[in-house]
Amino acid sequence: MPKNYSDVTVGNRIRVQGTLGRSARGLVVTDATGMPLWNLNFDEECPMSPGIAIIVEGIRSGFDRIDVEWIGEPPPSP
């Protein structure tokens, strides 16, 4: 999942899919190679554990940051 910053401007809604990871800056969405794509801001503690596939919805609040409104697992593949 390549990061394309021009798709969504700061302040607009965004939905991304990847793997939940942890970095020195906190929780992140990573791609298939483990490269961090988005840093995640939570109002509360994240209910998911790092290492699982996730979908994140929220507001893009910075160059590589999302204020998370919802996080969940993607539906199972058919």
PDB file of N, CA and C in Angstrom:
ATOM      1  N   MET A   1       0.850  -1.172   0.000  1.00  0.00           N
ATOM      2  CA  MET A   1       0.000   0.000   0.000  1.00  0.00           C
ATOM      3  C   MET A   1       0.893   1.232   0.000  1.00  0.00           C
ATOM      4  N   PRO A   2       1.192   1.810  -1.161  1.00  0.00           N
ATOM      5  CA  PRO A   2       2.037   2.988  -1.176  1.00  0.00           C
ATOM      6  C   PRO A   2       1.324   4.184  -0.560  1.00  0.00           C
ATOM      7  N   LYS A   3       2.089   5.028   0.091  1.00  0.00           N
ATOM      8  CA  LYS A   3       1.536   6.223   0.725  1.00  0.00           C
ATOM      9  C   LYS A   3       1.447   7.318  -0.323  1.00  0.00           C
ATOM     10  N   ASN A   4       0.278   7.880  -0.501  1.00  0.00           N
ATOM     11  CA  ASN A   4       0.093   8.964  -1.447  1.00  0.00           C
ATOM     12  C   ASN A   4      -0.530  10.126  -0.693  1.00  0.00           C
ATOM     13  N   TYR A   5       0.298  11.061  -0.258  1.00  0.00           N
ATOM     14  CA  TYR A   5      -0.169  12.166   0.563  1.00  0.00           C
ATOM     15  C   TYR A   5      -1.106  13.095  -0.187  1.00  0.00           C
ATOM     16  N   SER A   6      -1.075  13.111  -1.500  1.00  0.00           N
ATOM     17  CA  SER A   6      -1.936  14.024  -2.256  1.00  0.00           C
ATOM     18  C   SER A   6      -3.383  13.551  -2.291  1.00  0.00           C
ATOM     19  N   ASP A   7      -3.643  12.306  -1.897  1.00  0.00           N
ATOM     20  CA  ASP A   7      -5.013  11.779  -1.923  1.00  0.00           C
ATOM     21  C   ASP A   7      -5.927  12.480  -0.927  1.00  0.00           C
ATOM     22  N   VAL A   8      -5.405  12.823   0.233  1.00  0.00           N
ATOM     23  CA  VAL A   8      -6.214  13.386   1.304  1.00  0.00           C
ATOM     24  C   VAL A   8      -5.441  14.531   1.949  1.00  0.00           C
ATOM     25  N   THR A   9      -6.059  15.700   2.026  1.00  0.00           N
ATOM     26  CA  THR A   9      -5.392  16.835   2.654  1.00  0.00           C
ATOM     27  C   THR A   9      -5.644  16.824   4.158  1.00  0.00           C
ATOM     28  N   VAL A  10      -4.790  17.512   4.901  1.00  0.00           N
ATOM     29  CA  VAL A  10      -4.927  17.612   6.350  1.00  0.00           C
ATOM     30  C   VAL A  10      -6.302  18.180   6.676  1.00  0.00           C
ATOM     31  N   GLY A  11      -6.965  17.566   7.653  1.00  0.00           N
ATOM     32  CA  GLY A  11      -8.303  17.989   8.064  1.00  0.00           C
ATOM     33  C   GLY A  11      -9.428  17.190   7.428  1.00  0.00           C
ATOM     34  N   ASN A  12      -9.108  16.358   6.453  1.00  0.00           N
ATOM     35  CA  ASN A  12     -10.135  15.543   5.789  1.00  0.00           C
ATOM     36  C   ASN A  12     -10.116  14.109   6.289  1.00  0.00           C
ATOM     37  N   ARG A  13     -11.226  13.413   6.065  1.00  0.00           N
ATOM     38  CA  ARG A  13     -11.359  12.018   6.479  1.00  0.00           C
ATOM     39  C   ARG A  13     -10.458  11.124   5.637  1.00  0.00           C
ATOM     40  N   ILE A  14      -9.985  10.068   6.277  1.00  0.00           N
ATOM     41  CA  ILE A  14      -9.123   9.107   5.595  1.00  0.00           C
ATOM     42  C   ILE A  14      -9.423   7.705   6.133  1.00  0.00           C
ATOM     43  N   ARG A  15      -9.279   6.724   5.261  1.00  0.00           N
ATOM     44  CA  ARG A  15      -9.448   5.310   5.638  1.00  0.00           C
ATOM     45  C   ARG A  15      -8.260   4.564   5.049  1.00  0.00           C
ATOM     46  N   VAL A  16      -7.507   3.865   5.899  1.00  0.00           N
ATOM     47  CA  VAL A  16      -6.332   3.120   5.442  1.00  0.00           C
ATOM     48  C   VAL A  16      -6.359   1.707   6.006  1.00  0.00           C
ATOM     49  N   GLN A  17      -5.650   0.834   5.310  1.00  0.00           N
ATOM     50  CA  GLN A  17      -5.568  -0.563   5.729  1.00  0.00           C
ATOM     51  C   GLN A  17      -4.105  -0.966   5.763  1.00  0.00           C
ATOM     52  N   GLY A  18      -3.739  -1.785   6.734  1.00  0.00           N
ATOM     53  CA  GLY A  18      -2.369  -2.263   6.866  1.00  0.00           C
ATOM     54  C   GLY A  18      -2.264  -3.133   8.095  1.00  0.00           C
ATOM     55  N   THR A  19      -1.100  -3.125   8.705  1.00  0.00           N
ATOM     56  CA  THR A  19      -0.856  -3.889   9.930  1.00  0.00           C
ATOM     57  C   THR A  19      -0.553  -2.909  11.055  1.00  0.00           C
ATOM     58  N   LEU A  20      -1.118  -3.163  12.230  1.00  0.00           N
ATOM     59  CA  LEU A  20      -0.852  -2.311  13.375  1.00  0.00           C
ATOM     60  C   LEU A  20       0.541  -2.614  13.901  1.00  0.00           C
ATOM     61  N   GLY A  21       1.354  -1.584  14.040  1.00  0.00           N
ATOM     62  CA  GLY A  21       2.707  -1.743  14.542  1.00  0.00           C
ATOM     63  C   GLY A  21       3.000  -0.727  15.633  1.00  0.00           C
ATOM     64  N   ARG A  22       4.201  -0.820  16.183  1.00  0.00           N
ATOM     65  CA  ARG A  22       4.619   0.112  17.232  1.00  0.00           C
ATOM     66  C   ARG A  22       5.964   0.705  16.831  1.00  0.00           C
ATOM     67  N   SER A  23       6.098   2.012  17.011  1.00  0.00           N
ATOM     68  CA  SER A  23       7.364   2.692  16.754  1.00  0.00           C
ATOM     69  C   SER A  23       7.712   3.534  17.978  1.00  0.00           C
ATOM     70  N   ALA A  24       8.824   4.244  17.914  1.00  0.00           N
ATOM     71  CA  ALA A  24       9.218   5.115  19.018  1.00  0.00           C
ATOM     72  C   ALA A  24       8.211   6.240  19.231  1.00  0.00           C
ATOM     73  N   ARG A  25       7.430   6.558  18.202  1.00  0.00           N
ATOM     74  CA  ARG A  25       6.426   7.624  18.281  1.00  0.00           C
ATOM     75  C   ARG A  25       5.049   7.103  18.667  1.00  0.00           C
ATOM     76  N   GLY A  26       4.903   5.806  18.877  1.00  0.00           N
ATOM     77  CA  GLY A  26       3.605   5.239  19.242  1.00  0.00           C
ATOM     78  C   GLY A  26       3.136   4.221  18.228  1.00  0.00           C
ATOM     79  N   LEU A  27       1.820   4.030  18.148  1.00  0.00           N
ATOM     80  CA  LEU A  27       1.252   3.051  17.226  1.00  0.00           C
ATOM     81  C   LEU A  27       1.226   3.604  15.809  1.00  0.00           C
ATOM     82  N   VAL A  28       1.442   2.700  14.842  1.00  0.00           N
ATOM     83  CA  VAL A  28       1.503   3.068  13.433  1.00  0.00           C
ATOM     84  C   VAL A  28       0.782   2.026  12.588  1.00  0.00           C
ATOM     85  N   VAL A  29       0.418   2.430  11.374  1.00  0.00           N
ATOM     86  CA  VAL A  29      -0.027   1.491  10.349  1.00  0.00           C
ATOM     87  C   VAL A  29       1.188   1.202   9.490  1.00  0.00           C
ATOM     88  N   THR A  30       1.504  -0.082   9.313  1.00  0.00           N
ATOM     89  CA  THR A  30       2.652  -0.464   8.492  1.00  0.00           C
ATOM     90  C   THR A  30       2.190  -1.173   7.222  1.00  0.00           C
ATOM     91  N   ASP A  31       3.068  -1.190   6.214  1.00  0.00           N
ATOM     92  CA  ASP A  31       2.771  -1.920   4.986  1.00  0.00           C
ATOM     93  C   ASP A  31       3.268  -3.358   5.114  1.00  0.00           C
ATOM     94  N   ALA A  32       3.221  -4.107   4.027  1.00  0.00           N
ATOM     95  CA  ALA A  32       3.583  -5.530   4.052  1.00  0.00           C
ATOM     96  C   ALA A  32       5.050  -5.759   4.415  1.00  0.00           C
ATOM     97  N   THR A  33       5.908  -4.753   4.215  1.00  0.00           N
ATOM     98  CA  THR A  33       7.327  -4.901   4.543  1.00  0.00           C
ATOM     99  C   THR A  33       7.645  -4.433   5.961  1.00  0.00           C
ATOM    100  N   GLY A  34       6.641  -3.922   6.677  1.00  0.00           N
ATOM    101  CA  GLY A  34       6.846  -3.425   8.025  1.00  0.00           C
ATOM    102  C   GLY A  34       7.210  -1.953   8.079  1.00  0.00           C
ATOM    103  N   MET A  35       7.205  -1.278   6.925  1.00  0.00           N
ATOM    104  CA  MET A  35       7.521   0.145   6.860  1.00  0.00           C
ATOM    105  C   MET A  35       6.347   0.965   7.393  1.00  0.00           C
ATOM    106  N   PRO A  36       6.576   1.836   8.387  1.00  0.00           N
ATOM    107  CA  PRO A  36       5.477   2.661   8.908  1.00  0.00           C
ATOM    108  C   PRO A  36       4.930   3.605   7.848  1.00  0.00           C
ATOM    109  N   LEU A  37       3.604   3.642   7.713  1.00  0.00           N
ATOM    110  CA  LEU A  37       2.959   4.526   6.751  1.00  0.00           C
ATOM    111  C   LEU A  37       2.270   5.702   7.420  1.00  0.00           C
ATOM    112  N   TRP A  38       1.612   5.440   8.546  1.00  0.00           N
ATOM    113  CA  TRP A  38       0.856   6.481   9.254  1.00  0.00           C
ATOM    114  C   TRP A  38       1.067   6.319  10.753  1.00  0.00           C
ATOM    115  N   ASN A  39       1.304   7.428  11.454  1.00  0.00           N
ATOM    116  CA  ASN A  39       1.320   7.457  12.909  1.00  0.00           C
ATOM    117  C   ASN A  39      -0.116   7.681  13.372  1.00  0.00           C
ATOM    118  N   LEU A  40      -0.520   6.997  14.434  1.00  0.00           N
ATOM    119  CA  LEU A  40      -1.904   7.027  14.887  1.00  0.00           C
ATOM    120  C   LEU A  40      -2.046   7.735  16.226  1.00  0.00           C
ATOM    121  N   ASN A  41      -3.012   8.646  16.308  1.00  0.00           N
ATOM    122  CA  ASN A  41      -3.368   9.322  17.558  1.00  0.00           C
ATOM    123  C   ASN A  41      -4.691   8.747  18.054  1.00  0.00           C
ATOM    124  N   PHE A  42      -4.734   8.359  19.321  1.00  0.00           N
ATOM    125  CA  PHE A  42      -5.954   7.834  19.926  1.00  0.00           C
ATOM    126  C   PHE A  42      -6.354   8.710  21.103  1.00  0.00           C
ATOM    127  N   ASP A  43      -7.668   8.974  21.254  1.00  0.00           N
ATOM    128  CA  ASP A  43      -8.173   9.664  22.443  1.00  0.00           C
ATOM    129  C   ASP A  43      -8.162   8.736  23.645  1.00  0.00           C
ATOM    130  N   GLU A  44      -8.349   7.455  23.381  1.00  0.00           N
ATOM    131  CA  GLU A  44      -8.354   6.432  24.421  1.00  0.00           C
ATOM    132  C   GLU A  44      -7.299   5.397  24.065  1.00  0.00           C
ATOM    133  N   GLU A  45      -7.128   4.410  24.920  1.00  0.00           N
ATOM    134  CA  GLU A  45      -6.181   3.343  24.625  1.00  0.00           C
ATOM    135  C   GLU A  45      -6.670   2.526  23.430  1.00  0.00           C
ATOM    136  N   CYS A  46      -5.755   2.137  22.573  1.00  0.00           N
ATOM    137  CA  CYS A  46      -6.102   1.336  21.396  1.00  0.00           C
ATOM    138  C   CYS A  46      -6.565  -0.046  21.830  1.00  0.00           C
ATOM    139  N   PRO A  47      -7.725  -0.499  21.314  1.00  0.00           N
ATOM    140  CA  PRO A  47      -8.247  -1.801  21.710  1.00  0.00           C
ATOM    141  C   PRO A  47      -7.612  -2.986  20.977  1.00  0.00           C
ATOM    142  N   MET A  48      -6.727  -2.721  20.034  1.00  0.00           N
ATOM    143  CA  MET A  48      -6.124  -3.776  19.220  1.00  0.00           C
ATOM    144  C   MET A  48      -4.663  -3.967  19.624  1.00  0.00           C
ATOM    145  N   SER A  49      -4.136  -5.156  19.347  1.00  0.00           N
ATOM    146  CA  SER A  49      -2.735  -5.470  19.645  1.00  0.00           C
ATOM    147  C   SER A  49      -1.883  -5.343  18.390  1.00  0.00           C
ATOM    148  N   PRO A  50      -0.651  -4.843  18.512  1.00  0.00           N
ATOM    149  CA  PRO A  50       0.233  -4.765  17.355  1.00  0.00           C
ATOM    150  C   PRO A  50       0.429  -6.132  16.702  1.00  0.00           C
ATOM    151  N   GLY A  51       0.592  -6.101  15.386  1.00  0.00           N
ATOM    152  CA  GLY A  51       0.852  -7.323  14.635  1.00  0.00           C
ATOM    153  C   GLY A  51      -0.341  -7.857  13.876  1.00  0.00           C
ATOM    154  N   ILE A  52      -1.527  -7.261  14.048  1.00  0.00           N
ATOM    155  CA  ILE A  52      -2.705  -7.763  13.337  1.00  0.00           C
ATOM    156  C   ILE A  52      -3.083  -6.823  12.195  1.00  0.00           C
ATOM    157  N   ALA A  53      -3.783  -7.365  11.203  1.00  0.00           N
ATOM    158  CA  ALA A  53      -4.280  -6.566  10.086  1.00  0.00           C
ATOM    159  C   ALA A  53      -5.397  -5.659  10.596  1.00  0.00           C
ATOM    160  N   ILE A  54      -5.383  -4.403  10.140  1.00  0.00           N
ATOM    161  CA  ILE A  54      -6.372  -3.432  10.609  1.00  0.00           C
ATOM    162  C   ILE A  54      -6.875  -2.549   9.478  1.00  0.00           C
ATOM    163  N   ILE A  55      -8.016  -1.926   9.729  1.00  0.00           N
ATOM    164  CA  ILE A  55      -8.532  -0.803   8.952  1.00  0.00           C
ATOM    165  C   ILE A  55      -8.679   0.336   9.946  1.00  0.00           C
ATOM    166  N   VAL A  56      -8.251   1.530   9.557  1.00  0.00           N
ATOM    167  CA  VAL A  56      -8.336   2.710  10.412  1.00  0.00           C
ATOM    168  C   VAL A  56      -9.121   3.787   9.672  1.00  0.00           C
ATOM    169  N   GLU A  57     -10.048   4.424  10.384  1.00  0.00           N
ATOM    170  CA  GLU A  57     -10.757   5.587   9.851  1.00  0.00           C
ATOM    171  C   GLU A  57     -10.544   6.746  10.807  1.00  0.00           C
ATOM    172  N   GLY A  58     -10.359   7.931  10.258  1.00  0.00           N
ATOM    173  CA  GLY A  58     -10.173   9.103  11.096  1.00  0.00           C
ATOM    174  C   GLY A  58      -9.931  10.347  10.275  1.00  0.00           C
ATOM    175  N   ILE A  59      -9.306  11.320  10.907  1.00  0.00           N
ATOM    176  CA  ILE A  59      -9.012  12.602  10.281  1.00  0.00           C
ATOM    177  C   ILE A  59      -7.501  12.741  10.130  1.00  0.00           C
ATOM    178  N   ARG A  60      -7.075  13.081   8.926  1.00  0.00           N
ATOM    179  CA  ARG A  60      -5.649  13.318   8.724  1.00  0.00           C
ATOM    180  C   ARG A  60      -5.290  14.610   9.434  1.00  0.00           C
ATOM    181  N   SER A  61      -4.392  14.517  10.425  1.00  0.00           N
ATOM    182  CA  SER A  61      -4.085  15.669  11.267  1.00  0.00           C
ATOM    183  C   SER A  61      -2.662  16.183  11.083  1.00  0.00           C
ATOM    184  N   GLY A  62      -1.924  15.588  10.188  1.00  0.00           N
ATOM    185  CA  GLY A  62      -0.558  16.023   9.926  1.00  0.00           C
ATOM    186  C   GLY A  62      -0.004  15.306   8.717  1.00  0.00           C
ATOM    187  N   PHE A  63       1.272  15.560   8.430  1.00  0.00           N
ATOM    188  CA  PHE A  63       1.907  14.974   7.249  1.00  0.00           C
ATOM    189  C   PHE A  63       1.743  13.460   7.194  1.00  0.00           C
ATOM    190  N   ASP A  64       1.959  12.792   8.338  1.00  0.00           N
ATOM    191  CA  ASP A  64       1.871  11.333   8.373  1.00  0.00           C
ATOM    192  C   ASP A  64       1.093  10.860   9.594  1.00  0.00           C
ATOM    193  N   ARG A  65       0.088  11.629  10.002  1.00  0.00           N
ATOM    194  CA  ARG A  65      -0.617  11.365  11.265  1.00  0.00           C
ATOM    195  C   ARG A  65      -2.125  11.323  11.042  1.00  0.00           C
ATOM    196  N   ILE A  66      -2.780  10.360  11.729  1.00  0.00           N
ATOM    197  CA  ILE A  66      -4.236  10.217  11.680  1.00  0.00           C
ATOM    198  C   ILE A  66      -4.774  10.258  13.102  1.00  0.00           C
ATOM    199  N   ASP A  67      -5.786  11.115  13.326  1.00  0.00           N
ATOM    200  CA  ASP A  67      -6.536  11.103  14.581  1.00  0.00           C
ATOM    201  C   ASP A  67      -7.613  10.026  14.418  1.00  0.00           C
ATOM    202  N   VAL A  68      -7.436   8.900  15.082  1.00  0.00           N
ATOM    203  CA  VAL A  68      -8.275   7.720  14.872  1.00  0.00           C
ATOM    204  C   VAL A  68      -9.662   7.903  15.491  1.00  0.00           C
ATOM    205  N   GLU A  69     -10.689   7.662  14.676  1.00  0.00           N
ATOM    206  CA  GLU A  69     -12.075   7.649  15.147  1.00  0.00           C
ATOM    207  C   GLU A  69     -12.594   6.221  15.262  1.00  0.00           C
ATOM    208  N   TRP A  70     -12.045   5.313  14.450  1.00  0.00           N
ATOM    209  CA  TRP A  70     -12.471   3.913  14.467  1.00  0.00           C
ATOM    210  C   TRP A  70     -11.309   3.059  14.002  1.00  0.00           C
ATOM    211  N   ILE A  71     -11.157   1.891  14.630  1.00  0.00           N
ATOM    212  CA  ILE A  71     -10.151   0.912  14.202  1.00  0.00           C
ATOM    213  C   ILE A  71     -10.795  -0.472  14.314  1.00  0.00           C
ATOM    214  N   GLY A  72     -10.558  -1.309  13.323  1.00  0.00           N
ATOM    215  CA  GLY A  72     -11.117  -2.661  13.346  1.00  0.00           C
ATOM    216  C   GLY A  72     -10.347  -3.575  12.420  1.00  0.00           C
ATOM    217  N   GLU A  73     -10.737  -4.840  12.440  1.00  0.00           N
ATOM    218  CA  GLU A  73     -10.106  -5.827  11.564  1.00  0.00           C
ATOM    219  C   GLU A  73     -10.825  -5.872  10.233  1.00  0.00           C
ATOM    220  N   PRO A  74     -10.107  -6.089   9.138  1.00  0.00           N
ATOM    221  CA  PRO A  74     -10.765  -6.211   7.840  1.00  0.00           C
ATOM    222  C   PRO A  74     -11.614  -7.482   7.792  1.00  0.00           C
ATOM    223  N   PRO A  75     -12.637  -7.489   6.941  1.00  0.00           N
ATOM    224  CA  PRO A  75     -13.447  -8.702   6.831  1.00  0.00           C
ATOM    225  C   PRO A  75     -12.612  -9.862   6.292  1.00  0.00           C
ATOM    226  N   PRO A  76     -12.978 -11.088   6.641  1.00  0.00           N
ATOM    227  CA  PRO A  76     -12.229 -12.244   6.136  1.00  0.00           C
ATOM    228  C   PRO A  76     -12.324 -12.346   4.621  1.00  0.00           C
ATOM    229  N   SER A  77     -11.274 -12.831   4.000  1.00  0.00           N
ATOM    230  CA  SER A  77     -11.273 -13.031   2.552  1.00  0.00           C
ATOM    231  C   SER A  77     -12.189 -14.195   2.204  1.00  0.00           C
ATOM    232  N   PRO A  78     -12.900 -14.072   1.076  1.00  0.00           N
ATOM    233  CA  PRO A  78     -13.817 -15.184   0.685  1.00  0.00           C
ATOM    234  C   PRO A  78     -13.061 -16.402   0.232  1.00  0.00           C
TER     235      PRO A  78
END
